[in-house]
């Protein structure tokens, strides 16, 4: 499925829930505010920024699927952000899923465009859970060399 169709499908399945659920609307508003704050947070040194974006777990009012879908919709709608879609989505998912007690890990990777060293370099951010990509299409992480993971078991950045 193309990314445009996936984005349309996301809107179709997520927006009705916002109409009928105060909890979803409240979390959506909180996520929008969080997403808009990301460029300022990322002006700090990366270890400090990632520590700041890592919340303490607390009971979640919504399901993991609802949190993921709302985070994806927020990232998709924040088109004016200077951050790329994958970074907005990954950081928003990371913060709110970790807060819900789901121990996802951020991965940042890079690869040569078309696999040739004389080409541009593409970057991507995604999440993993138990070492496996977390709701991420294969084309979005395969072929990328992981440059940074956060957090590792000791809470430190691994490069």
N, C-alpha and C. Protein backbone atom coordinates (compact mmCIF):
# COMPACT_ATOMS: atom_id res chain seq x y z
N UNK A 1 0.86 -1.17 0.00
CA UNK A 1 0.00 0.00 0.00
C UNK A 1 0.90 1.24 0.00
N UNK A 2 0.56 2.21 -0.81
CA UNK A 2 1.37 3.43 -0.89
C UNK A 2 1.25 4.22 0.40
N UNK A 3 2.22 5.10 0.62
CA UNK A 3 2.19 5.89 1.86
C UNK A 3 0.97 6.81 1.90
N UNK A 4 0.57 7.34 0.75
CA UNK A 4 -0.62 8.21 0.76
C UNK A 4 -1.87 7.44 1.16
N UNK A 5 -1.99 6.21 0.67
CA UNK A 5 -3.15 5.40 1.05
C UNK A 5 -3.09 5.03 2.53
N UNK A 6 -1.88 4.72 3.03
CA UNK A 6 -1.75 4.43 4.47
C UNK A 6 -2.13 5.64 5.30
N UNK A 7 -1.74 6.83 4.86
CA UNK A 7 -2.07 8.06 5.60
C UNK A 7 -3.58 8.30 5.57
N UNK A 8 -4.20 8.09 4.43
CA UNK A 8 -5.65 8.25 4.32
C UNK A 8 -6.35 7.25 5.22
N UNK A 9 -5.89 6.00 5.19
CA UNK A 9 -6.49 4.97 6.03
C UNK A 9 -6.35 5.33 7.51
N UNK A 10 -5.19 5.83 7.90
CA UNK A 10 -4.96 6.24 9.28
C UNK A 10 -5.99 7.29 9.70
N UNK A 11 -6.20 8.28 8.84
CA UNK A 11 -7.17 9.33 9.15
C UNK A 11 -8.59 8.75 9.25
N UNK A 12 -8.93 7.85 8.36
CA UNK A 12 -10.28 7.26 8.35
C UNK A 12 -10.54 6.47 9.62
N UNK A 13 -9.55 5.72 10.10
CA UNK A 13 -9.78 4.88 11.28
C UNK A 13 -9.59 5.65 12.59
N UNK A 14 -8.86 6.77 12.58
CA UNK A 14 -8.54 7.47 13.82
C UNK A 14 -9.47 8.65 14.11
N UNK A 15 -9.82 9.41 13.10
CA UNK A 15 -10.62 10.62 13.32
C UNK A 15 -11.98 10.37 13.98
N UNK A 16 -12.72 9.33 13.59
CA UNK A 16 -14.01 9.12 14.28
C UNK A 16 -13.87 8.93 15.78
N UNK A 17 -12.79 8.28 16.22
CA UNK A 17 -12.57 8.09 17.64
C UNK A 17 -12.38 9.39 18.38
N UNK A 18 -11.82 10.39 17.69
CA UNK A 18 -11.65 11.71 18.32
C UNK A 18 -12.99 12.39 18.56
N UNK A 19 -13.94 12.12 17.70
CA UNK A 19 -15.25 12.75 17.83
C UNK A 19 -16.01 12.26 19.06
N UNK A 20 -15.80 10.99 19.41
CA UNK A 20 -16.64 10.37 20.43
C UNK A 20 -15.93 10.07 21.75
N UNK A 21 -14.67 10.43 21.87
CA UNK A 21 -13.93 10.09 23.08
C UNK A 21 -13.18 11.29 23.64
N UNK A 22 -13.56 11.70 24.83
CA UNK A 22 -12.86 12.80 25.50
C UNK A 22 -11.40 12.44 25.78
N UNK A 23 -11.16 11.19 26.15
CA UNK A 23 -9.79 10.75 26.43
C UNK A 23 -8.91 10.83 25.19
N UNK A 24 -9.44 10.39 24.06
CA UNK A 24 -8.65 10.46 22.81
C UNK A 24 -8.39 11.91 22.43
N UNK A 25 -9.40 12.76 22.57
CA UNK A 25 -9.20 14.18 22.24
C UNK A 25 -8.16 14.82 23.15
N UNK A 26 -8.22 14.50 24.43
CA UNK A 26 -7.25 15.07 25.38
C UNK A 26 -5.83 14.59 25.05
N UNK A 27 -5.67 13.31 24.76
CA UNK A 27 -4.35 12.80 24.42
C UNK A 27 -3.88 13.38 23.08
N UNK A 28 -4.78 13.52 22.13
CA UNK A 28 -4.44 14.11 20.84
C UNK A 28 -3.91 15.53 21.03
N UNK A 29 -4.59 16.33 21.85
CA UNK A 29 -4.13 17.70 22.12
C UNK A 29 -2.76 17.70 22.79
N UNK A 30 -2.58 16.80 23.75
CA UNK A 30 -1.29 16.71 24.43
C UNK A 30 -0.18 16.30 23.44
N UNK A 31 -0.49 15.37 22.56
CA UNK A 31 0.49 14.94 21.56
C UNK A 31 0.81 16.06 20.58
N UNK A 32 -0.18 16.82 20.19
CA UNK A 32 0.07 17.95 19.28
C UNK A 32 1.03 18.95 19.93
N UNK A 33 0.79 19.26 21.18
CA UNK A 33 1.67 20.18 21.90
C UNK A 33 3.08 19.59 22.01
N UNK A 34 3.16 18.32 22.32
CA UNK A 34 4.45 17.63 22.42
C UNK A 34 5.20 17.70 21.08
N UNK A 35 4.51 17.35 20.00
CA UNK A 35 5.14 17.34 18.68
C UNK A 35 5.65 18.73 18.30
N UNK A 36 4.88 19.74 18.61
CA UNK A 36 5.30 21.12 18.29
C UNK A 36 6.50 21.56 19.12
N UNK A 37 6.71 20.94 20.29
CA UNK A 37 7.84 21.31 21.13
C UNK A 37 9.13 20.60 20.72
N UNK A 38 9.06 19.60 19.89
CA UNK A 38 10.23 18.80 19.55
C UNK A 38 11.40 19.61 18.97
N UNK A 39 11.18 20.52 18.02
CA UNK A 39 12.34 21.26 17.50
C UNK A 39 13.12 21.99 18.59
N UNK A 40 12.44 22.57 19.56
CA UNK A 40 13.13 23.27 20.65
C UNK A 40 13.87 22.28 21.55
N UNK A 41 13.24 21.16 21.85
CA UNK A 41 13.88 20.15 22.70
C UNK A 41 15.15 19.62 22.03
N UNK A 42 15.11 19.43 20.72
CA UNK A 42 16.24 18.85 20.00
C UNK A 42 17.39 19.84 19.77
N UNK A 43 17.24 21.06 20.25
CA UNK A 43 18.37 22.01 20.21
C UNK A 43 19.39 21.68 21.30
N UNK A 44 18.96 20.93 22.31
CA UNK A 44 19.87 20.50 23.38
C UNK A 44 20.76 19.39 22.83
N UNK A 45 21.89 19.13 23.49
CA UNK A 45 22.71 17.98 23.09
C UNK A 45 21.84 16.72 23.06
N UNK A 46 22.05 15.88 22.07
CA UNK A 46 21.17 14.73 21.86
C UNK A 46 20.99 13.85 23.10
N UNK A 47 22.03 13.50 23.85
CA UNK A 47 21.78 12.69 25.05
C UNK A 47 20.82 13.36 26.02
N UNK A 48 20.97 14.67 26.19
CA UNK A 48 20.08 15.40 27.09
C UNK A 48 18.65 15.43 26.55
N UNK A 49 18.52 15.66 25.26
CA UNK A 49 17.19 15.72 24.64
C UNK A 49 16.48 14.37 24.77
N UNK A 50 17.18 13.29 24.49
CA UNK A 50 16.56 11.97 24.57
C UNK A 50 16.19 11.60 26.00
N UNK A 51 17.01 11.99 26.95
CA UNK A 51 16.64 11.77 28.36
C UNK A 51 15.38 12.55 28.71
N UNK A 52 15.31 13.78 28.23
CA UNK A 52 14.14 14.63 28.50
C UNK A 52 12.87 14.04 27.88
N UNK A 53 13.01 13.38 26.73
CA UNK A 53 11.86 12.82 26.02
C UNK A 53 11.44 11.46 26.57
N UNK A 54 12.18 10.93 27.53
CA UNK A 54 11.88 9.61 28.09
C UNK A 54 11.13 9.79 29.41
N UNK A 55 9.83 9.51 29.40
CA UNK A 55 9.02 9.71 30.61
C UNK A 55 9.06 8.50 31.54
N UNK A 56 8.61 8.69 32.74
CA UNK A 56 8.40 7.58 33.65
C UNK A 56 7.08 6.90 33.29
N UNK A 57 7.01 5.58 33.38
CA UNK A 57 5.75 4.89 33.06
C UNK A 57 4.63 5.27 34.03
N UNK A 58 3.43 5.29 33.50
CA UNK A 58 2.25 5.53 34.31
C UNK A 58 1.08 4.80 33.66
N UNK A 59 0.02 4.54 34.39
CA UNK A 59 -1.11 3.82 33.80
C UNK A 59 -1.66 4.58 32.58
N UNK A 60 -1.94 3.84 31.53
CA UNK A 60 -2.45 4.44 30.29
C UNK A 60 -3.97 4.41 30.27
N UNK A 61 -4.56 5.50 29.83
CA UNK A 61 -6.01 5.58 29.73
C UNK A 61 -6.52 4.98 28.42
N UNK A 62 -5.61 4.81 27.45
CA UNK A 62 -5.98 4.28 26.14
C UNK A 62 -5.13 3.07 25.79
N UNK A 63 -5.56 2.34 24.79
CA UNK A 63 -4.83 1.15 24.36
C UNK A 63 -3.54 1.52 23.62
N UNK A 64 -2.65 0.56 23.53
CA UNK A 64 -1.41 0.75 22.77
C UNK A 64 -1.72 1.15 21.33
N UNK A 65 -2.70 0.50 20.73
CA UNK A 65 -3.08 0.81 19.34
C UNK A 65 -3.59 2.24 19.21
N UNK A 66 -4.42 2.68 20.15
CA UNK A 66 -4.92 4.06 20.12
C UNK A 66 -3.77 5.06 20.25
N UNK A 67 -2.84 4.78 21.16
CA UNK A 67 -1.70 5.68 21.35
C UNK A 67 -0.88 5.75 20.07
N UNK A 68 -0.61 4.61 19.48
CA UNK A 68 0.19 4.56 18.25
C UNK A 68 -0.52 5.31 17.11
N UNK A 69 -1.80 5.06 16.91
CA UNK A 69 -2.53 5.71 15.83
C UNK A 69 -2.62 7.22 16.03
N UNK A 70 -2.86 7.66 17.26
CA UNK A 70 -2.92 9.10 17.52
C UNK A 70 -1.56 9.75 17.29
N UNK A 71 -0.50 9.10 17.74
CA UNK A 71 0.84 9.64 17.52
C UNK A 71 1.15 9.75 16.02
N UNK A 72 0.76 8.73 15.26
CA UNK A 72 0.99 8.75 13.82
C UNK A 72 0.20 9.87 13.15
N UNK A 73 -1.05 10.07 13.58
CA UNK A 73 -1.87 11.13 13.02
C UNK A 73 -1.29 12.51 13.36
N UNK A 74 -0.87 12.69 14.59
CA UNK A 74 -0.26 13.97 15.00
C UNK A 74 0.96 14.27 14.15
N UNK A 75 1.83 13.27 13.98
CA UNK A 75 3.05 13.47 13.17
C UNK A 75 2.69 13.81 11.73
N UNK A 76 1.69 13.16 11.21
CA UNK A 76 1.26 13.41 9.83
C UNK A 76 0.71 14.82 9.65
N UNK A 77 -0.03 15.30 10.64
CA UNK A 77 -0.67 16.61 10.53
C UNK A 77 0.27 17.79 10.79
N UNK A 78 1.40 17.53 11.42
CA UNK A 78 2.34 18.60 11.79
C UNK A 78 3.28 18.90 10.63
N UNK A 79 2.74 19.29 9.50
CA UNK A 79 3.49 19.51 8.26
C UNK A 79 4.44 20.71 8.32
N UNK A 80 4.21 21.64 9.22
CA UNK A 80 5.06 22.84 9.29
C UNK A 80 6.34 22.60 10.09
N UNK A 81 6.45 21.45 10.70
CA UNK A 81 7.62 21.16 11.52
C UNK A 81 8.87 21.07 10.65
N UNK A 82 9.99 21.56 11.17
CA UNK A 82 11.25 21.41 10.43
C UNK A 82 11.79 19.97 10.49
N UNK A 83 11.18 19.14 11.33
CA UNK A 83 11.61 17.76 11.46
C UNK A 83 10.88 16.89 10.45
N UNK A 84 11.55 15.86 9.97
CA UNK A 84 10.94 14.94 9.03
C UNK A 84 9.84 14.12 9.67
N UNK A 85 8.96 13.58 8.84
CA UNK A 85 7.82 12.80 9.33
C UNK A 85 8.27 11.61 10.19
N UNK A 86 9.28 10.87 9.75
CA UNK A 86 9.69 9.68 10.51
C UNK A 86 10.23 10.07 11.89
N UNK A 87 10.92 11.18 11.98
CA UNK A 87 11.45 11.62 13.27
C UNK A 87 10.33 12.09 14.19
N UNK A 88 9.40 12.89 13.66
CA UNK A 88 8.25 13.33 14.47
C UNK A 88 7.45 12.12 14.97
N UNK A 89 7.18 11.20 14.05
CA UNK A 89 6.39 10.02 14.40
C UNK A 89 7.12 9.17 15.44
N UNK A 90 8.39 8.91 15.22
CA UNK A 90 9.14 8.05 16.13
C UNK A 90 9.26 8.66 17.52
N UNK A 91 9.57 9.94 17.59
CA UNK A 91 9.72 10.59 18.89
C UNK A 91 8.40 10.70 19.63
N UNK A 92 7.32 10.96 18.91
CA UNK A 92 6.00 11.06 19.55
C UNK A 92 5.55 9.68 20.02
N UNK A 93 5.69 8.68 19.15
CA UNK A 93 5.37 7.32 19.57
C UNK A 93 6.20 6.93 20.78
N UNK A 94 7.51 7.18 20.70
CA UNK A 94 8.44 6.80 21.76
C UNK A 94 7.99 7.36 23.11
N UNK A 95 7.77 8.65 23.16
CA UNK A 95 7.41 9.30 24.42
C UNK A 95 6.13 8.71 25.01
N UNK A 96 5.09 8.64 24.21
CA UNK A 96 3.79 8.25 24.74
C UNK A 96 3.67 6.74 24.97
N UNK A 97 4.33 5.94 24.16
CA UNK A 97 4.33 4.49 24.41
C UNK A 97 5.17 4.15 25.64
N UNK A 98 6.34 4.80 25.78
CA UNK A 98 7.15 4.56 26.98
C UNK A 98 6.37 4.98 28.23
N UNK A 99 5.66 6.09 28.12
CA UNK A 99 4.87 6.55 29.26
C UNK A 99 3.80 5.51 29.63
N UNK A 100 3.28 4.81 28.61
CA UNK A 100 2.28 3.77 28.84
C UNK A 100 2.90 2.45 29.30
N UNK A 101 4.23 2.44 29.47
CA UNK A 101 4.90 1.25 29.98
C UNK A 101 5.37 0.28 28.92
N UNK A 102 5.34 0.68 27.67
CA UNK A 102 5.79 -0.19 26.57
C UNK A 102 7.24 0.18 26.28
N UNK A 103 8.18 -0.75 26.49
CA UNK A 103 9.61 -0.43 26.43
C UNK A 103 10.20 -0.36 25.02
N UNK A 104 9.63 0.51 24.20
CA UNK A 104 10.16 0.67 22.84
C UNK A 104 11.53 1.35 22.89
N UNK A 105 12.31 1.12 21.84
CA UNK A 105 13.65 1.68 21.72
C UNK A 105 13.71 2.48 20.43
N UNK A 106 14.30 3.66 20.50
CA UNK A 106 14.51 4.50 19.32
C UNK A 106 15.71 3.99 18.53
N UNK A 107 15.58 3.95 17.23
CA UNK A 107 16.70 3.62 16.35
C UNK A 107 16.84 4.74 15.33
N UNK A 108 18.07 5.15 15.11
CA UNK A 108 18.38 6.14 14.08
C UNK A 108 19.35 5.47 13.13
N UNK A 109 19.05 5.50 11.83
CA UNK A 109 19.91 4.83 10.87
C UNK A 109 20.17 5.67 9.64
N UNK A 110 21.12 5.19 8.85
CA UNK A 110 21.48 5.88 7.61
C UNK A 110 21.83 4.83 6.56
N UNK A 111 21.65 5.21 5.29
CA UNK A 111 22.07 4.35 4.19
C UNK A 111 22.34 5.22 2.98
N UNK A 112 23.12 4.68 2.06
CA UNK A 112 23.37 5.38 0.81
C UNK A 112 22.15 5.22 -0.09
N UNK A 113 21.73 6.31 -0.73
CA UNK A 113 20.61 6.26 -1.66
C UNK A 113 21.01 5.35 -2.82
N UNK A 114 20.15 4.44 -3.18
CA UNK A 114 20.39 3.44 -4.23
C UNK A 114 21.57 2.53 -3.90
N UNK A 115 21.99 2.48 -2.65
CA UNK A 115 23.03 1.57 -2.22
C UNK A 115 24.43 1.87 -2.72
N UNK A 116 24.65 3.04 -3.28
CA UNK A 116 25.97 3.38 -3.82
C UNK A 116 26.62 4.47 -2.98
N UNK A 117 27.89 4.25 -2.65
CA UNK A 117 28.61 5.19 -1.78
C UNK A 117 28.81 6.56 -2.41
N UNK A 118 28.63 6.68 -3.72
CA UNK A 118 28.80 7.98 -4.36
C UNK A 118 27.49 8.77 -4.42
N UNK A 119 26.47 8.29 -3.74
CA UNK A 119 25.15 8.93 -3.75
C UNK A 119 24.89 9.65 -2.43
N UNK A 120 23.75 10.30 -2.38
CA UNK A 120 23.33 10.95 -1.14
C UNK A 120 23.07 9.92 -0.05
N UNK A 121 23.08 10.40 1.17
CA UNK A 121 22.79 9.54 2.32
C UNK A 121 21.38 9.86 2.80
N UNK A 122 20.61 8.80 3.05
CA UNK A 122 19.26 8.94 3.58
C UNK A 122 19.27 8.54 5.04
N UNK A 123 18.51 9.22 5.85
CA UNK A 123 18.39 8.90 7.26
C UNK A 123 16.97 8.48 7.59
N UNK A 124 16.83 7.74 8.67
CA UNK A 124 15.50 7.31 9.09
C UNK A 124 15.51 7.07 10.59
N UNK A 125 14.36 7.25 11.21
CA UNK A 125 14.17 6.96 12.62
C UNK A 125 12.98 6.02 12.74
N UNK A 126 13.11 5.03 13.62
CA UNK A 126 12.03 4.08 13.84
C UNK A 126 12.15 3.51 15.26
N UNK A 127 11.15 2.75 15.64
CA UNK A 127 11.15 2.12 16.96
C UNK A 127 11.29 0.62 16.83
N UNK A 128 11.83 0.02 17.87
CA UNK A 128 11.84 -1.43 17.98
C UNK A 128 11.25 -1.81 19.33
N UNK A 129 10.75 -3.01 19.39
CA UNK A 129 10.25 -3.58 20.64
C UNK A 129 10.78 -5.00 20.71
N UNK A 130 11.48 -5.31 21.77
CA UNK A 130 12.12 -6.62 21.91
C UNK A 130 13.03 -6.93 20.73
N UNK A 131 13.70 -5.91 20.22
CA UNK A 131 14.67 -6.08 19.14
C UNK A 131 14.10 -6.14 17.74
N UNK A 132 12.78 -6.11 17.60
CA UNK A 132 12.14 -6.18 16.29
C UNK A 132 11.50 -4.84 15.95
N UNK A 133 11.47 -4.47 14.66
CA UNK A 133 10.81 -3.22 14.27
C UNK A 133 9.36 -3.20 14.79
N UNK A 134 8.98 -2.05 15.30
CA UNK A 134 7.67 -1.87 15.91
C UNK A 134 6.74 -1.16 14.93
N UNK A 135 5.82 -1.91 14.33
CA UNK A 135 4.85 -1.37 13.39
C UNK A 135 5.53 -0.46 12.36
N UNK A 136 6.49 -1.02 11.68
CA UNK A 136 7.27 -0.28 10.69
C UNK A 136 7.40 -1.14 9.45
N UNK A 137 7.07 -0.59 8.29
CA UNK A 137 7.21 -1.32 7.03
C UNK A 137 8.67 -1.64 6.77
N UNK A 138 8.91 -2.79 6.20
CA UNK A 138 10.27 -3.23 5.93
C UNK A 138 11.09 -2.25 5.13
N UNK A 139 10.47 -1.62 4.13
CA UNK A 139 11.22 -0.68 3.29
C UNK A 139 11.69 0.54 4.08
N UNK A 140 11.11 0.75 5.26
CA UNK A 140 11.48 1.91 6.06
C UNK A 140 12.63 1.65 7.02
N UNK A 141 13.07 0.42 7.16
CA UNK A 141 14.20 0.17 8.06
C UNK A 141 15.23 -0.78 7.46
N UNK A 142 14.82 -1.61 6.52
CA UNK A 142 15.77 -2.55 5.92
C UNK A 142 16.82 -1.79 5.11
N UNK A 143 18.05 -2.20 5.25
CA UNK A 143 19.14 -1.57 4.52
C UNK A 143 19.75 -0.38 5.25
N UNK A 144 19.13 0.05 6.34
CA UNK A 144 19.69 1.15 7.13
C UNK A 144 20.67 0.58 8.15
N UNK A 145 21.81 1.22 8.28
CA UNK A 145 22.75 0.88 9.35
C UNK A 145 22.36 1.69 10.57
N UNK A 146 22.16 1.00 11.67
CA UNK A 146 21.78 1.70 12.91
C UNK A 146 22.98 2.50 13.39
N UNK A 147 22.78 3.80 13.52
CA UNK A 147 23.83 4.71 13.97
C UNK A 147 23.72 4.99 15.47
N UNK A 148 22.50 4.90 15.98
CA UNK A 148 22.27 5.23 17.38
C UNK A 148 21.01 4.52 17.86
N UNK A 149 21.05 3.99 19.06
CA UNK A 149 19.89 3.38 19.71
C UNK A 149 19.73 4.02 21.07
N UNK A 150 18.47 4.24 21.46
CA UNK A 150 18.20 4.81 22.77
C UNK A 150 16.86 4.32 23.27
N UNK A 151 16.76 3.93 24.53
CA UNK A 151 17.84 3.69 25.47
C UNK A 151 18.34 2.26 25.35
N UNK A 152 19.48 2.03 25.87
CA UNK A 152 19.99 0.67 26.04
C UNK A 152 19.64 0.26 27.46
N UNK A 153 19.97 -0.92 27.84
CA UNK A 153 19.57 -1.43 29.17
C UNK A 153 20.02 -0.54 30.30
N UNK A 154 21.17 0.09 30.17
CA UNK A 154 21.66 0.95 31.25
C UNK A 154 21.18 2.38 31.10
N UNK A 155 20.29 2.65 30.10
CA UNK A 155 19.76 3.99 29.91
C UNK A 155 20.67 4.92 29.16
N UNK A 156 21.80 4.43 28.70
CA UNK A 156 22.76 5.26 27.97
C UNK A 156 22.53 5.12 26.48
N UNK A 157 23.07 6.07 25.72
CA UNK A 157 23.01 6.00 24.27
C UNK A 157 24.05 5.01 23.80
N UNK A 158 23.66 4.16 22.85
CA UNK A 158 24.61 3.23 22.24
C UNK A 158 24.80 3.68 20.79
N UNK A 159 26.03 3.92 20.41
CA UNK A 159 26.32 4.30 19.02
C UNK A 159 27.16 3.23 18.36
